[in-house]
Amino acid sequence: MRCSTGTGSFRVRTTRGLVMGALPRYKFRLFAKSALTLFVAGSSTFEASSGPPLAVVRKEAKYGPDGTAPISVRSYSVLLGMCRQMRTVIPLLAPVLIWISLLLLPAGQARAQDITGSIETGASGLPLPRFASLKSSRINMRAGPGRDYRIEWNYRKAGLPMEIIQEYDNWRKVRDASGDEGWIHVSLLTGKRTGMAAPWQKNEMLPLRRQPTPDSSLIAQVEAGALGEVVSCDGEWCIVDYDGYEGYMRQAQIWGVYPSEKIED
């Protein structure tokens, strides 16, 4: 018996636009708010320090015969002037640094998880990252956590596994089997576990066996990319149901479960 992905695609790409350059809108709002706050603080600092510079230093300085201040006094005056200028400039540069850090943070977190395998806890109290699945068909993945953000992908198949990698309010940032990332509302996701048979092995068939052993007899040949319901996993093998054919498949050949994850029936 052969289990196939069927005709058509599980998702449709939407027309992409450029929204505020490469900066997502929810990050732009945070950036703008920080910039305005720090700009006001910088302006206040500038006004407070705009009086006669170095008056105290020059008032007590001993001048030479030619009427010029000693080198030590002049050096101190220049240094103090630079410090005052820096007090004005640093608050204005701070928003730029915040903007750069916001752009780099998600990629840094992803790399740390890939290297260390660490699991964090999201605002919901559930672990991050974790797998979930789409509750229904016709679900939109958006560029940011809100309905005002552009639609990146439209998914046409209920049950597709999604890896949740970030939480923001009632939105979840997810990654699909192709590696594309975006935001989906929490109400459109479910904890039901599903898996895709090795979507990276295109045009290949994978064995679904009667027992969790390499030499066990076959129940079916499953086409790479086929969607199935994960019944249980022991860290090496998973019981998966593909179109009513239930059997064992190696856990490493399923996208939707982690390599050593254990799932009870």
C-alpha atoms as a PDB file:
ATOM      1  CA  MET A   1       0.000   0.000   0.000  1.00  0.00           C
ATOM      2  CA  ARG A   2       1.235   3.465  -0.851  1.00  0.00           C
ATOM      3  CA  CYS A   3       0.374   6.591   1.125  1.00  0.00           C
ATOM      4  CA  SER A   4       0.702   9.767  -0.907  1.00  0.00           C
ATOM      5  CA  THR A   5       0.607  13.489  -0.202  1.00  0.00           C
ATOM      6  CA  GLY A   6      -2.103  13.809  -2.802  1.00  0.00           C
ATOM      7  CA  THR A   7      -2.372  16.501  -5.466  1.00  0.00           C
ATOM      8  CA  GLY A   8      -1.765  20.184  -4.896  1.00  0.00           C
ATOM      9  CA  SER A   9       0.225  22.046  -2.294  1.00  0.00           C
ATOM     10  CA  PHE A  10      -0.402  22.358   1.426  1.00  0.00           C
ATOM     11  CA  ARG A  11       0.240  26.113   1.292  1.00  0.00           C
ATOM     12  CA  VAL A  12       0.074  29.102  -1.061  1.00  0.00           C
ATOM     13  CA  ARG A  13       2.538  31.971  -1.221  1.00  0.00           C
ATOM     14  CA  THR A  14       1.006  35.441  -1.062  1.00  0.00           C
ATOM     15  CA  THR A  15       2.278  38.627  -2.692  1.00  0.00           C
ATOM     16  CA  ARG A  16       5.027  40.111  -0.618  1.00  0.00           C
ATOM     17  CA  GLY A  17       5.337  43.794   0.073  1.00  0.00           C
ATOM     18  CA  LEU A  18       7.811  45.962   1.907  1.00  0.00           C
ATOM     19  CA  VAL A  19       6.465  47.245   5.202  1.00  0.00           C
ATOM     20  CA  MET A  20       8.767  49.729   6.925  1.00  0.00           C
ATOM     21  CA  GLY A  21      11.820  48.196   5.297  1.00  0.00           C
ATOM     22  CA  ALA A  22      13.147  45.095   7.018  1.00  0.00           C
ATOM     23  CA  LEU A  23      11.812  46.137  10.447  1.00  0.00           C
ATOM     24  CA  PRO A  24       8.534  44.426  11.527  1.00  0.00           C
ATOM     25  CA  ARG A  25       5.862  46.909  12.572  1.00  0.00           C
ATOM     26  CA  TYR A  26       5.591  45.762  16.200  1.00  0.00           C
ATOM     27  CA  LYS A  27       9.361  46.241  16.564  1.00  0.00           C
ATOM     28  CA  PHE A  28       9.149  49.635  14.821  1.00  0.00           C
ATOM     29  CA  ARG A  29       6.611  50.822  17.375  1.00  0.00           C
ATOM     30  CA  LEU A  30       8.913  49.844  20.227  1.00  0.00           C
ATOM     31  CA  PHE A  31      11.822  51.511  18.449  1.00  0.00           C
ATOM     32  CA  ALA A  32       9.873  54.734  17.840  1.00  0.00           C
ATOM     33  CA  LYS A  33       8.696  54.892  21.428  1.00  0.00           C
ATOM     34  CA  SER A  34      12.213  54.396  22.757  1.00  0.00           C
ATOM     35  CA  ALA A  35      13.598  56.948  20.295  1.00  0.00           C
ATOM     36  CA  LEU A  36      11.070  59.604  21.330  1.00  0.00           C
ATOM     37  CA  THR A  37      11.691  59.022  25.043  1.00  0.00           C
ATOM     38  CA  LEU A  38      15.455  59.128  24.722  1.00  0.00           C
ATOM     39  CA  PHE A  39      15.385  62.112  22.330  1.00  0.00           C
ATOM     40  CA  VAL A  40      13.446  64.128  24.917  1.00  0.00           C
ATOM     41  CA  ALA A  41      15.908  63.032  27.592  1.00  0.00           C
ATOM     42  CA  GLY A  42      18.812  64.044  25.336  1.00  0.00           C
ATOM     43  CA  SER A  43      17.271  67.434  24.634  1.00  0.00           C
ATOM     44  CA  SER A  44      16.849  68.044  28.357  1.00  0.00           C
ATOM     45  CA  THR A  45      20.474  67.131  28.934  1.00  0.00           C
ATOM     46  CA  PHE A  46      21.583  69.512  26.176  1.00  0.00           C
ATOM     47  CA  GLU A  47      19.589  72.409  27.625  1.00  0.00           C
ATOM     48  CA  ALA A  48      20.921  71.768  31.123  1.00  0.00           C
ATOM     49  CA  SER A  49      24.516  71.793  29.907  1.00  0.00           C
ATOM     50  CA  SER A  50      24.284  74.678  27.450  1.00  0.00           C
ATOM     51  CA  GLY A  51      25.550  77.342  29.915  1.00  0.00           C
ATOM     52  CA  PRO A  52      29.001  78.920  29.853  1.00  0.00           C
ATOM     53  CA  PRO A  53      31.347  75.947  29.446  1.00  0.00           C
ATOM     54  CA  LEU A  54      34.306  75.407  31.735  1.00  0.00           C
ATOM     55  CA  ALA A  55      33.550  78.550  33.792  1.00  0.00           C
ATOM     56  CA  VAL A  56      34.554  76.994  37.096  1.00  0.00           C
ATOM     57  CA  VAL A  57      37.819  75.615  35.722  1.00  0.00           C
ATOM     58  CA  ARG A  58      38.917  78.913  34.151  1.00  0.00           C
ATOM     59  CA  LYS A  59      37.883  80.992  37.148  1.00  0.00           C
ATOM     60  CA  GLU A  60      40.426  79.306  39.405  1.00  0.00           C
ATOM     61  CA  ALA A  61      43.151  78.745  36.811  1.00  0.00           C
ATOM     62  CA  LYS A  62      46.510  80.472  36.984  1.00  0.00           C
ATOM     63  CA  TYR A  63      47.402  82.016  33.640  1.00  0.00           C
ATOM     64  CA  GLY A  64      50.868  82.432  32.192  1.00  0.00           C
ATOM     65  CA  PRO A  65      52.631  85.683  31.368  1.00  0.00           C
ATOM     66  CA  ASP A  66      51.129  85.772  27.894  1.00  0.00           C
ATOM     67  CA  GLY A  67      47.593  85.458  29.259  1.00  0.00           C
ATOM     68  CA  THR A  68      47.079  81.845  28.137  1.00  0.00           C
ATOM     69  CA  ALA A  69      46.058  79.023  30.452  1.00  0.00           C
ATOM     70  CA  PRO A  70      48.580  76.266  31.253  1.00  0.00           C
ATOM     71  CA  ILE A  71      48.475  73.156  29.059  1.00  0.00           C
ATOM     72  CA  SER A  72      47.013  71.071  31.885  1.00  0.00           C
ATOM     73  CA  VAL A  73      44.093  73.493  32.283  1.00  0.00           C
ATOM     74  CA  ARG A  74      43.463  73.660  28.522  1.00  0.00           C
ATOM     75  CA  SER A  75      43.551  69.831  28.244  1.00  0.00           C
ATOM     76  CA  TYR A  76      41.141  69.467  31.103  1.00  0.00           C
ATOM     77  CA  SER A  77      38.867  72.051  29.513  1.00  0.00           C
ATOM     78  CA  VAL A  78      38.806  70.170  26.197  1.00  0.00           C
ATOM     79  CA  LEU A  79      38.160  66.860  27.973  1.00  0.00           C
ATOM     80  CA  LEU A  80      35.325  68.300  30.000  1.00  0.00           C
ATOM     81  CA  GLY A  81      33.805  69.793  26.860  1.00  0.00           C
ATOM     82  CA  MET A  82      33.966  66.399  25.101  1.00  0.00           C
ATOM     83  CA  CYS A  83      32.278  64.731  28.057  1.00  0.00           C
ATOM     84  CA  ARG A  84      29.440  67.234  27.942  1.00  0.00           C
ATOM     85  CA  GLN A  85      28.996  66.679  24.220  1.00  0.00           C
ATOM     86  CA  MET A  86      28.918  62.908  24.752  1.00  0.00           C
ATOM     87  CA  ARG A  87      26.175  63.359  27.350  1.00  0.00           C
ATOM     88  CA  THR A  88      24.129  64.954  24.598  1.00  0.00           C
ATOM     89  CA  VAL A  89      24.985  62.504  21.794  1.00  0.00           C
ATOM     90  CA  ILE A  90      24.696  59.149  23.639  1.00  0.00           C
ATOM     91  CA  PRO A  91      20.920  59.426  24.320  1.00  0.00           C
ATOM     92  CA  LEU A  92      20.404  60.171  20.615  1.00  0.00           C
ATOM     93  CA  LEU A  93      22.419  57.125  19.548  1.00  0.00           C
ATOM     94  CA  ALA A  94      20.675  54.771  21.979  1.00  0.00           C
ATOM     95  CA  PRO A  95      17.581  54.189  19.742  1.00  0.00           C
ATOM     96  CA  VAL A  96      19.848  53.094  16.893  1.00  0.00           C
ATOM     97  CA  LEU A  97      21.503  50.526  19.153  1.00  0.00           C
ATOM     98  CA  ILE A  98      18.093  49.309  20.329  1.00  0.00           C
ATOM     99  CA  TRP A  99      16.941  48.959  16.695  1.00  0.00           C
ATOM    100  CA  ILE A 100      20.007  46.880  15.828  1.00  0.00           C
ATOM    101  CA  SER A 101      19.551  44.632  18.879  1.00  0.00           C
ATOM    102  CA  LEU A 102      15.873  44.029  18.023  1.00  0.00           C
ATOM    103  CA  LEU A 103      16.830  42.884  14.540  1.00  0.00           C
ATOM    104  CA  LEU A 104      19.534  40.518  15.757  1.00  0.00           C
ATOM    105  CA  LEU A 105      17.791  39.049  18.830  1.00  0.00           C
ATOM    106  CA  PRO A 106      15.561  36.370  17.196  1.00  0.00           C
ATOM    107  CA  ALA A 107      18.397  34.995  15.069  1.00  0.00           C
ATOM    108  CA  GLY A 108      20.669  34.875  18.102  1.00  0.00           C
ATOM    109  CA  GLN A 109      18.072  33.028  20.158  1.00  0.00           C
ATOM    110  CA  ALA A 110      17.516  30.490  17.372  1.00  0.00           C
ATOM    111  CA  ARG A 111      21.247  29.844  17.032  1.00  0.00           C
ATOM    112  CA  ALA A 112      21.586  29.375  20.802  1.00  0.00           C
ATOM    113  CA  GLN A 113      18.770  26.829  20.814  1.00  0.00           C
ATOM    114  CA  ASP A 114      20.280  24.951  17.890  1.00  0.00           C
ATOM    115  CA  ILE A 115      23.675  24.753  19.596  1.00  0.00           C
ATOM    116  CA  THR A 116      22.674  24.063  23.208  1.00  0.00           C
ATOM    117  CA  GLY A 117      19.292  22.373  22.724  1.00  0.00           C
ATOM    118  CA  SER A 118      17.968  24.426  25.656  1.00  0.00           C
ATOM    119  CA  ILE A 119      14.251  24.747  26.248  1.00  0.00           C
ATOM    120  CA  GLU A 120      12.730  27.945  27.637  1.00  0.00           C
ATOM    121  CA  THR A 121       9.271  28.668  28.984  1.00  0.00           C
ATOM    122  CA  GLY A 122       6.951  31.058  27.184  1.00  0.00           C
ATOM    123  CA  ALA A 123       4.468  33.498  28.706  1.00  0.00           C
ATOM    124  CA  SER A 124       1.806  30.779  28.459  1.00  0.00           C
ATOM    125  CA  GLY A 125       3.843  28.559  30.791  1.00  0.00           C
ATOM    126  CA  LEU A 126       4.454  26.032  28.020  1.00  0.00           C
ATOM    127  CA  PRO A 127       7.952  25.116  26.821  1.00  0.00           C
ATOM    128  CA  LEU A 128       9.674  26.813  23.891  1.00  0.00           C
ATOM    129  CA  PRO A 129      10.230  25.565  21.316  1.00  0.00           C
ATOM    130  CA  ARG A 130       7.406  23.022  20.972  1.00  0.00           C
ATOM    131  CA  PHE A 131       5.282  21.473  18.241  1.00  0.00           C
ATOM    132  CA  ALA A 132       1.598  22.092  17.557  1.00  0.00           C
ATOM    133  CA  SER A 133      -0.622  21.724  14.488  1.00  0.00           C
ATOM    134  CA  LEU A 134      -3.067  23.798  12.474  1.00  0.00           C
ATOM    135  CA  LYS A 135      -6.621  23.556  13.731  1.00  0.00           C
ATOM    136  CA  SER A 136      -8.266  23.993  10.326  1.00  0.00           C
ATOM    137  CA  SER A 137      -7.596  24.697   6.677  1.00  0.00           C
ATOM    138  CA  ARG A 138      -7.331  28.198   5.175  1.00  0.00           C
ATOM    139  CA  ILE A 139      -5.058  29.612   7.868  1.00  0.00           C
ATOM    140  CA  ASN A 140      -2.901  32.670   7.278  1.00  0.00           C
ATOM    141  CA  MET A 141       0.669  33.105   8.452  1.00  0.00           C
ATOM    142  CA  ARG A 142       1.454  36.792   8.931  1.00  0.00           C
ATOM    143  CA  ALA A 143       4.643  38.852   9.011  1.00  0.00           C
ATOM    144  CA  GLY A 144       3.966  40.057  12.566  1.00  0.00           C
ATOM    145  CA  PRO A 145       1.769  39.403  15.612  1.00  0.00           C
ATOM    146  CA  GLY A 146      -1.414  41.151  14.496  1.00  0.00           C
ATOM    147  CA  ARG A 147      -4.104  41.159  11.818  1.00  0.00           C
ATOM    148  CA  ASP A 148      -2.724  44.362  10.298  1.00  0.00           C
ATOM    149  CA  TYR A 149       0.450  42.622   9.139  1.00  0.00           C
ATOM    150  CA  ARG A 150       0.742  41.291   5.628  1.00  0.00           C
ATOM    151  CA  ILE A 151      -0.034  37.627   4.914  1.00  0.00           C
ATOM    152  CA  GLU A 152       3.060  35.619   4.054  1.00  0.00           C
ATOM    153  CA  TRP A 153       1.515  32.188   3.500  1.00  0.00           C
ATOM    154  CA  ASN A 154      -1.958  30.701   3.311  1.00  0.00           C
ATOM    155  CA  TYR A 155      -2.118  27.085   4.507  1.00  0.00           C
ATOM    156  CA  ARG A 156      -4.730  24.855   2.880  1.00  0.00           C
ATOM    157  CA  LYS A 157      -4.434  21.705   5.000  1.00  0.00           C
ATOM    158  CA  ALA A 158      -5.646  21.164   8.556  1.00  0.00           C
ATOM    159  CA  GLY A 159      -3.282  19.302  10.858  1.00  0.00           C
ATOM    160  CA  LEU A 160       0.002  20.549   9.406  1.00  0.00           C
ATOM    161  CA  PRO A 161       2.677  20.498  12.122  1.00  0.00           C
ATOM    162  CA  MET A 162       4.122  23.843  13.220  1.00  0.00           C
ATOM    163  CA  GLU A 163       7.015  24.496  15.548  1.00  0.00           C
ATOM    164  CA  ILE A 164       6.231  27.303  17.996  1.00  0.00           C
ATOM    165  CA  ILE A 165       9.402  29.283  18.634  1.00  0.00           C
ATOM    166  CA  GLN A 166       8.106  32.505  20.223  1.00  0.00           C
ATOM    167  CA  GLU A 167       5.055  33.907  22.010  1.00  0.00           C
ATOM    168  CA  TYR A 168       3.650  37.434  21.950  1.00  0.00           C
ATOM    169  CA  ASP A 169       0.283  38.107  23.566  1.00  0.00           C
ATOM    170  CA  ASN A 170      -2.237  35.851  21.723  1.00  0.00           C
ATOM    171  CA  TRP A 171       0.079  35.259  18.774  1.00  0.00           C
ATOM    172  CA  ARG A 172       2.622  32.539  18.192  1.00  0.00           C
ATOM    173  CA  LYS A 173       5.654  32.730  15.963  1.00  0.00           C
ATOM    174  CA  VAL A 174       5.907  29.410  14.154  1.00  0.00           C
ATOM    175  CA  ARG A 175       8.211  27.620  11.748  1.00  0.00           C
ATOM    176  CA  ASP A 176       6.878  25.211   9.128  1.00  0.00           C
ATOM    177  CA  ALA A 177       8.491  22.142   7.572  1.00  0.00           C
ATOM    178  CA  SER A 178      10.115  24.271   4.867  1.00  0.00           C
ATOM    179  CA  GLY A 179      11.790  26.521   7.433  1.00  0.00           C
ATOM    180  CA  ASP A 180       9.592  29.574   6.786  1.00  0.00           C
ATOM    181  CA  GLU A 181       8.635  31.579   9.870  1.00  0.00           C
ATOM    182  CA  GLY A 182       5.701  33.833  10.669  1.00  0.00           C
ATOM    183  CA  TRP A 183       2.911  34.554  13.142  1.00  0.00           C
ATOM    184  CA  ILE A 184      -0.375  32.677  13.640  1.00  0.00           C
ATOM    185  CA  HIS A 185      -3.102  33.454  16.181  1.00  0.00           C
ATOM    186  CA  VAL A 186      -3.191  31.001  19.073  1.00  0.00           C
ATOM    187  CA  SER A 187      -6.861  30.184  18.402  1.00  0.00           C
ATOM    188  CA  LEU A 188      -5.857  28.626  15.064  1.00  0.00           C
ATOM    189  CA  LEU A 189      -3.410  26.162  16.638  1.00  0.00           C
ATOM    190  CA  THR A 190      -4.017  22.943  18.529  1.00  0.00           C
ATOM    191  CA  GLY A 191      -1.902  20.675  20.684  1.00  0.00           C
ATOM    192  CA  LYS A 192      -2.782  17.652  18.545  1.00  0.00           C
ATOM    193  CA  ARG A 193       0.459  16.052  17.391  1.00  0.00           C
ATOM    194  CA  THR A 194       0.965  15.358  13.732  1.00  0.00           C
ATOM    195  CA  GLY A 195       4.013  14.662  11.617  1.00  0.00           C
ATOM    196  CA  MET A 196       5.235  14.788   8.034  1.00  0.00           C
ATOM    197  CA  ALA A 197       7.227  11.883   6.681  1.00  0.00           C
ATOM    198  CA  ALA A 198      10.750  13.219   5.992  1.00  0.00           C
ATOM    199  CA  PRO A 199       9.763  16.210   3.818  1.00  0.00           C
ATOM    200  CA  TRP A 200      13.463  16.764   3.061  1.00  0.00           C
ATOM    201  CA  GLN A 201      13.628  13.430   1.176  1.00  0.00           C
ATOM    202  CA  LYS A 202      11.651  14.454  -1.872  1.00  0.00           C
ATOM    203  CA  ASN A 203      10.242  11.775  -4.211  1.00  0.00           C
ATOM    204  CA  GLU A 204      11.248   8.963  -1.852  1.00  0.00           C
ATOM    205  CA  MET A 205       9.202   6.295  -0.076  1.00  0.00           C
ATOM    206  CA  LEU A 206       9.564   5.545   3.623  1.00  0.00           C
ATOM    207  CA  PRO A 207       8.630   2.253   5.296  1.00  0.00           C
ATOM    208  CA  LEU A 208       5.785   2.023   7.787  1.00  0.00           C
ATOM    209  CA  ARG A 209       6.424  -1.195   9.755  1.00  0.00           C
ATOM    210  CA  ARG A 210       4.426  -3.541  11.979  1.00  0.00           C
ATOM    211  CA  GLN A 211       6.999  -3.561  14.763  1.00  0.00           C
ATOM    212  CA  PRO A 212       9.694  -1.074  15.917  1.00  0.00           C
ATOM    213  CA  THR A 213      12.531  -3.008  14.275  1.00  0.00           C
ATOM    214  CA  PRO A 214      14.349  -2.398  10.967  1.00  0.00           C
ATOM    215  CA  ASP A 215      13.582  -5.898   9.688  1.00  0.00           C
ATOM    216  CA  SER A 216       9.879  -5.907  10.576  1.00  0.00           C
ATOM    217  CA  SER A 217       7.355  -6.462   7.791  1.00  0.00           C
ATOM    218  CA  LEU A 218       5.879  -3.499   5.984  1.00  0.00           C
ATOM    219  CA  ILE A 219       2.390  -2.144   6.407  1.00  0.00           C
ATOM    220  CA  ALA A 220       2.751   0.552   3.774  1.00  0.00           C
ATOM    221  CA  GLN A 221       5.199   2.682   1.842  1.00  0.00           C
ATOM    222  CA  VAL A 222       4.764   6.339   2.775  1.00  0.00           C
ATOM    223  CA  GLU A 223       5.624   9.081   0.333  1.00  0.00           C
ATOM    224  CA  ALA A 224       7.987  11.756   1.661  1.00  0.00           C
ATOM    225  CA  GLY A 225       5.950  14.752   2.803  1.00  0.00           C
ATOM    226  CA  ALA A 226       2.806  12.753   3.607  1.00  0.00           C
ATOM    227  CA  LEU A 227       0.900  13.970   6.659  1.00  0.00           C
ATOM    228  CA  GLY A 228       0.041  11.607   9.486  1.00  0.00           C
ATOM    229  CA  GLU A 229      -1.257  11.638  13.067  1.00  0.00           C
ATOM    230  CA  VAL A 230       1.366  10.874  15.714  1.00  0.00           C
ATOM    231  CA  VAL A 231      -0.027   8.362  18.219  1.00  0.00           C
ATOM    232  CA  SER A 232       3.028   7.856  20.429  1.00  0.00           C
ATOM    233  CA  CYS A 233       6.840   7.992  20.412  1.00  0.00           C
ATOM    234  CA  ASP A 234       9.458   6.310  22.579  1.00  0.00           C
ATOM    235  CA  GLY A 235      12.494   8.356  21.514  1.00  0.00           C
ATOM    236  CA  GLU A 236      13.461   6.067  18.614  1.00  0.00           C
ATOM    237  CA  TRP A 237      10.248   4.944  16.971  1.00  0.00           C
ATOM    238  CA  CYS A 238       6.826   6.527  16.592  1.00  0.00           C
ATOM    239  CA  ILE A 239       3.433   4.993  15.969  1.00  0.00           C
ATOM    240  CA  VAL A 240       1.914   7.077  13.192  1.00  0.00           C
ATOM    241  CA  ASP A 241      -1.421   6.840  11.395  1.00  0.00           C
ATOM    242  CA  TYR A 242      -1.259   7.628   7.663  1.00  0.00           C
ATOM    243  CA  ASP A 243      -4.677   7.575   6.014  1.00  0.00           C
ATOM    244  CA  GLY A 244      -5.853   4.797   8.320  1.00  0.00           C
ATOM    245  CA  TYR A 245      -2.653   2.739   8.075  1.00  0.00           C
ATOM    246  CA  GLU A 246      -1.064   2.706  11.523  1.00  0.00           C
ATOM    247  CA  GLY A 247       2.450   1.461  12.064  1.00  0.00           C
ATOM    248  CA  TYR A 248       5.960   2.237  13.246  1.00  0.00           C
ATOM    249  CA  MET A 249       8.293   4.760  11.648  1.00  0.00           C
ATOM    250  CA  ARG A 250      11.708   5.888  12.810  1.00  0.00           C
ATOM    251  CA  GLN A 251      11.369   9.066  14.857  1.00  0.00           C
ATOM    252  CA  ALA A 252      14.243  10.757  13.022  1.00  0.00           C
ATOM    253  CA  GLN A 253      12.234  10.472   9.769  1.00  0.00           C
ATOM    254  CA  ILE A 254       9.299  12.529  11.069  1.00  0.00           C
ATOM    255  CA  TRP A 255       9.074  16.319  11.033  1.00  0.00           C
ATOM    256  CA  GLY A 256       6.762  17.269  13.885  1.00  0.00           C
ATOM    257  CA  VAL A 257       8.492  15.505  16.774  1.00  0.00           C
ATOM    258  CA  TYR A 258      11.928  16.056  18.274  1.00  0.00           C
ATOM    259  CA  PRO A 259      14.539  13.284  17.876  1.00  0.00           C
ATOM    260  CA  SER A 260      14.470  12.094  21.509  1.00  0.00           C
ATOM    261  CA  GLU A 261      10.993  13.295  22.475  1.00  0.00           C
ATOM    262  CA  LYS A 262       8.633  10.862  24.159  1.00  0.00           C
ATOM    263  CA  ILE A 263       4.901  11.051  23.475  1.00  0.00           C
ATOM    264  CA  GLU A 264       2.416   8.860  25.302  1.00  0.00           C
ATOM    265  CA  ASP A 265      -0.739   7.508  23.707  1.00  0.00           C
END
